[in-house]
Protein backbone atom coordinates (compact mmCIF):
# COMPACT_ATOMS: atom_id res chain seq x y z
CA MET A 1 119.45 137.14 121.74
CA LEU A 2 119.42 140.23 123.99
CA SER A 3 115.91 141.16 122.80
CA SER A 4 114.74 137.54 123.23
CA LEU A 5 116.09 137.62 126.75
CA LEU A 6 113.41 140.01 127.86
CA HIS A 7 110.67 137.88 126.48
CA TYR A 8 111.61 134.23 127.01
CA GLN A 9 111.83 132.78 130.48
CA PHE A 10 113.97 129.92 129.40
CA LEU A 11 116.73 132.30 128.26
CA GLN A 12 116.50 134.15 131.59
CA HIS A 13 116.93 130.85 133.40
CA ALA A 14 119.85 129.95 131.15
CA VAL A 15 121.66 133.26 131.93
CA ILE A 16 121.13 132.81 135.72
CA ALA A 17 122.36 129.22 135.50
CA GLY A 18 125.41 130.42 133.61
CA LEU A 19 126.25 133.04 136.26
CA LEU A 20 125.93 130.44 139.08
CA ALA A 21 128.05 128.01 137.12
CA SER A 22 130.72 130.71 136.58
CA VAL A 23 131.02 131.36 140.34
CA ILE A 24 131.64 127.61 140.90
CA CYS A 25 134.19 127.61 138.04
CA GLY A 26 135.92 130.60 139.52
CA ILE A 27 136.14 129.10 143.02
CA MET A 28 136.34 125.36 142.62
CA GLY A 29 138.14 125.32 139.27
CA VAL A 30 141.09 127.16 140.87
CA MET A 31 141.19 124.84 143.89
CA ILE A 32 140.92 121.70 141.70
CA THR A 33 143.73 122.73 139.34
CA GLU A 34 145.95 124.01 142.22
CA LYS A 35 145.58 120.70 144.07
CA LYS A 36 146.08 118.77 140.83
CA ILE A 37 142.93 116.64 141.22
CA VAL A 38 141.42 117.35 137.80
CA MET A 39 141.23 113.68 136.86
CA MET A 40 139.81 112.73 140.28
CA SER A 41 137.21 115.40 139.75
CA GLY A 42 136.41 113.70 136.49
CA GLY A 43 136.02 110.36 138.25
CA ILE A 44 133.57 112.00 140.76
CA ALA A 45 131.66 113.59 137.92
CA HIS A 46 131.20 110.34 136.07
CA THR A 47 129.93 108.51 139.18
CA ALA A 48 127.09 111.09 139.15
CA TYR A 49 125.69 109.23 136.18
CA GLY A 50 124.92 106.30 138.46
CA GLY A 51 122.88 108.68 140.59
CA ILE A 52 121.00 109.96 137.53
CA GLY A 53 120.07 106.40 136.68
CA LEU A 54 119.08 105.71 140.29
CA GLY A 55 116.73 108.68 140.25
CA TYR A 56 114.95 107.46 137.11
CA PHE A 57 114.77 103.94 138.45
CA LEU A 58 113.29 104.87 141.83
CA GLU A 59 111.19 107.76 140.31
CA PHE A 60 112.63 110.81 142.14
CA GLU A 61 114.47 113.88 140.89
CA PRO A 62 117.62 112.49 139.11
CA ILE A 63 119.71 115.49 140.21
CA TRP A 64 119.28 114.43 143.81
CA GLY A 65 120.51 110.94 142.88
CA ALA A 66 123.55 112.50 141.39
CA PHE A 67 124.11 114.54 144.49
CA PHE A 68 123.97 111.52 146.83
CA ILE A 69 126.02 109.15 144.66
CA SER A 70 128.70 111.70 143.81
CA ILE A 71 129.17 112.72 147.44
CA THR A 72 129.37 109.11 148.50
CA ALA A 73 131.91 108.31 145.79
CA ALA A 74 133.93 111.40 146.73
CA LEU A 75 134.17 110.28 150.39
CA ILE A 76 135.06 106.69 149.44
CA MET A 77 137.72 107.87 146.95
CA GLY A 78 139.15 110.21 149.51
CA TYR A 79 139.35 107.42 152.16
CA MET A 80 140.91 104.97 149.73
CA GLN A 81 143.43 107.45 148.44
CA ARG A 82 144.56 108.35 151.99
CA ARG A 83 144.99 104.66 152.83
CA SER A 84 146.83 103.88 149.59
CA GLN A 85 150.46 104.81 148.85
CA GLY A 86 150.29 104.04 145.13
CA SER A 87 149.07 105.98 142.13
CA PRO A 88 145.41 107.08 142.29
CA ASP A 89 144.98 106.50 138.57
CA MET A 90 143.62 102.96 139.04
CA LEU A 91 141.17 104.18 141.68
CA ILE A 92 139.92 107.04 139.46
CA GLY A 93 139.54 104.67 136.48
CA LEU A 94 137.58 102.20 138.60
CA PHE A 95 135.09 104.77 139.87
CA TRP A 96 134.91 106.53 136.49
CA SER A 97 133.80 103.38 134.65
CA ALA A 98 131.75 101.93 137.52
CA GLY A 99 129.66 105.10 137.88
CA MET A 100 128.80 105.08 134.22
CA ALA A 101 128.09 101.32 134.19
CA LEU A 102 125.75 101.74 137.32
CA GLY A 103 123.83 104.43 135.57
CA ILE A 104 123.33 102.26 132.48
CA VAL A 105 122.10 99.34 134.62
CA PHE A 106 119.58 101.51 136.50
CA ILE A 107 118.26 103.07 133.32
CA THR A 108 118.01 99.61 131.61
CA PHE A 109 115.76 98.40 134.48
CA THR A 110 113.64 101.61 134.59
CA PRO A 111 110.02 100.67 133.64
CA GLY A 112 108.62 102.08 130.41
CA TYR A 113 110.47 103.85 127.65
CA PRO A 114 114.10 104.63 128.33
CA PRO A 115 114.50 108.23 129.53
CA ASP A 116 116.42 110.74 127.50
CA ILE A 117 119.50 111.46 129.51
CA THR A 118 121.43 113.41 126.85
CA SER A 119 121.10 116.70 128.80
CA TYR A 120 122.71 115.18 131.86
CA LEU A 121 125.65 113.83 129.81
CA PHE A 122 126.32 116.87 127.55
CA GLY A 123 124.35 119.69 129.29
CA ASN A 124 121.47 121.81 128.05
CA ILE A 125 121.51 125.16 129.65
CA LEU A 126 118.47 126.21 127.58
CA ALA A 127 116.39 123.52 129.35
CA VAL A 128 117.15 124.66 132.91
CA ARG A 129 113.99 124.92 134.95
CA ARG A 130 113.09 127.15 137.84
CA ALA A 131 113.58 124.21 140.19
CA ASP A 132 117.05 123.62 138.86
CA ILE A 133 117.89 127.30 139.43
CA ILE A 134 116.78 126.99 143.07
CA ILE A 135 118.91 123.86 143.62
CA MET A 136 121.90 125.43 141.90
CA ALA A 137 121.61 128.65 143.96
CA ILE A 138 121.34 126.80 147.27
CA LEU A 139 124.39 124.55 146.46
CA THR A 140 126.42 127.56 145.17
CA VAL A 141 125.81 129.46 148.41
CA ALA A 142 126.88 126.31 150.35
CA VAL A 143 130.15 126.13 148.37
CA ILE A 144 130.91 129.83 148.82
CA LEU A 145 130.30 129.63 152.60
CA ALA A 146 132.52 126.54 152.97
CA VAL A 147 135.39 128.19 151.07
CA ALA A 148 135.01 131.63 152.71
CA ALA A 149 134.81 130.25 156.22
CA LEU A 150 138.16 128.41 155.87
CA PHE A 151 139.79 130.66 153.26
CA ASN A 152 143.17 130.97 155.05
CA GLN A 153 143.36 127.24 155.78
CA TRP A 154 142.55 126.50 152.12
CA LYS A 155 145.35 128.70 150.92
CA ALA A 156 147.82 127.00 153.18
CA TYR A 157 146.51 123.54 152.35
CA LEU A 158 146.53 124.02 148.58
CA PHE A 159 150.07 125.52 148.35
CA ASP A 160 151.86 123.55 151.09
CA GLU A 161 150.02 120.66 152.59
CA GLU A 162 152.95 119.57 154.80
CA PHE A 163 153.29 123.07 156.26
CA THR A 164 149.59 123.13 156.92
CA TYR A 165 149.79 119.82 158.81
CA MET A 166 152.79 121.18 160.88
CA ARG A 167 150.62 124.16 161.93
CA GLY A 168 148.10 121.74 163.45
CA ILE A 169 145.40 122.18 160.85
CA ASN A 170 143.32 119.08 160.19
CA VAL A 171 144.52 118.16 156.71
CA ALA A 172 142.35 115.02 156.50
CA PHE A 173 139.21 117.08 157.10
CA LEU A 174 140.25 119.52 154.26
CA ASP A 175 140.90 116.54 151.96
CA TYR A 176 137.46 115.11 152.46
CA LEU A 177 135.76 118.53 152.37
CA LEU A 178 137.43 119.45 149.09
CA LEU A 179 136.20 116.27 147.44
CA VAL A 180 132.69 116.84 148.76
CA LEU A 181 132.77 120.39 147.40
CA VAL A 182 133.90 118.97 144.03
CA ALA A 183 130.90 116.57 144.11
CA ILE A 184 128.56 119.44 144.87
CA SER A 185 130.11 121.54 142.11
CA VAL A 186 129.58 118.72 139.60
CA VAL A 187 125.87 118.65 140.51
CA ILE A 188 125.72 122.42 139.95
CA LEU A 189 127.39 122.14 136.47
CA ILE A 190 125.56 119.05 135.23
CA ARG A 191 122.65 121.00 133.78
CA VAL A 192 124.98 123.52 132.19
CA VAL A 193 127.66 121.39 130.42
CA GLY A 194 126.82 117.85 131.49
CA ILE A 195 128.88 115.06 133.11
CA ILE A 196 131.06 114.39 130.11
CA LEU A 197 132.20 117.99 129.52
CA VAL A 198 132.41 119.29 133.10
CA LEU A 199 136.23 119.08 133.32
CA ALA A 200 136.69 121.74 130.64
CA LEU A 201 134.68 124.30 132.56
CA PHE A 202 136.57 123.41 135.74
CA THR A 203 139.98 124.00 134.15
CA ALA A 204 139.87 126.53 131.32
CA PRO A 205 138.88 129.68 133.29
CA SER A 206 141.46 128.98 136.09
CA VAL A 207 144.22 128.31 133.57
CA ILE A 208 143.60 131.63 131.85
CA ALA A 209 143.13 133.47 135.10
CA ARG A 210 146.65 132.41 136.23
CA MET A 211 148.08 134.27 133.28
CA PHE A 212 146.78 137.58 134.67
CA ALA A 213 147.23 137.20 138.46
CA SER A 214 149.17 135.35 141.07
CA ASP A 215 147.17 136.24 144.17
CA PHE A 216 144.85 133.39 145.12
CA LYS A 217 141.71 135.52 145.66
CA LYS A 218 142.32 137.56 142.44
CA ILE A 219 142.71 134.34 140.42
CA MET A 220 139.32 133.19 141.69
CA GLN A 221 137.73 136.51 140.83
CA ILE A 222 139.17 136.63 137.33
CA ALA A 223 138.32 132.98 136.73
CA THR A 224 134.73 133.73 137.72
CA LEU A 225 134.50 136.62 135.17
CA ILE A 226 136.06 134.40 132.48
CA GLY A 227 133.64 131.61 133.24
CA ALA A 228 130.73 134.00 133.00
CA GLY A 229 132.00 135.13 129.63
CA PHE A 230 132.33 131.54 128.38
CA CYS A 231 128.78 130.70 129.61
CA PHE A 232 127.13 133.84 128.06
CA PHE A 233 128.92 133.80 124.69
CA GLY A 234 128.63 129.99 124.47
CA LEU A 235 124.90 130.43 125.14
CA TRP A 236 124.71 133.11 122.46
CA ILE A 237 126.47 130.84 119.90
CA SER A 238 124.20 127.96 120.85
CA TYR A 239 121.05 130.08 120.46
CA GLU A 240 122.14 131.76 117.19
CA LEU A 241 123.51 128.69 115.39
CA ASN A 242 121.13 126.15 116.93
CA LEU A 243 124.01 124.14 118.48
CA ALA A 244 124.11 122.02 121.65
CA SER A 245 124.59 124.56 124.49
CA GLY A 246 126.98 122.43 126.56
CA ALA A 247 129.20 121.72 123.62
CA SER A 248 129.23 125.33 122.55
CA ILE A 249 130.36 126.57 125.94
CA VAL A 250 133.04 123.95 126.27
CA LEU A 251 134.42 124.37 122.72
CA LEU A 252 134.56 128.15 123.29
CA SER A 253 136.40 127.55 126.55
CA ALA A 254 138.89 125.23 124.94
CA VAL A 255 139.64 127.47 121.99
CA VAL A 256 140.15 130.60 124.06
CA CYS A 257 142.36 128.69 126.51
CA LEU A 258 144.54 127.28 123.78
CA LEU A 259 144.84 130.66 122.05
CA ALA A 260 145.65 132.38 125.33
CA SER A 261 148.36 129.79 126.11
CA ALA A 262 149.80 130.16 122.59
CA VAL A 263 149.94 133.97 122.82
CA ARG A 264 151.53 133.79 126.26
CA HIS A 265 154.17 131.32 124.96
CA LEU A 266 154.93 133.50 121.94
CA THR A 267 155.24 136.72 123.97
CA LYS A 268 157.63 134.93 126.41
CA ALA A 269 159.76 133.49 123.61
């Protein structure tokens, strides 16, 4: 694959997309798992399918539909969660299924032949276009800036929300901003692993990174490197064995994560 990389632009785009995705996994994956909002992130991801369908129905770029719908859903979910004292599971389940249903409805009413939305559901890093790279790069920079500008506040918020509130930091703002960043991250990862598989790439690198470091910044850095490894070797497996790229990346992530957890458990026993 290395020799082909020099000759084929689609492979070059795939590698760049994988590197951008690994940065998002390293940053947002750690924040999501630390805040324990993995399932809520899954709910936000699945609402993006409604935006994909909306894009096809109204004949504009589907990824922008996913961007609009997922951010809207993130803000609504954040608002409803803050106003509710009960379990968020029912709220997550509602948005999870409603987002998928909305996408199906929009695609059903799209004129002409039904579009192929497989790459949005399961990812196809080999089909990433130059325009996708530009969108991913812009959104990745936006996420990095949002995290870097408030890095100390994020650390306090993620590890002790009550203490953060007592210090006078606007916890509500951080709540909403975190969910918006999750929505943006979902849009970045859609073309790499798809809506259905995005949770694995959010969680696996951060889980493994915690085995090697305890410092917040170092965990993010290690998770980024691990995510890059998953994307590159998953892409290599996909290219060599002619397998679906998103599934290859996610299966590799899951297997390595399970093996690392097992080895750590055995060494501690």
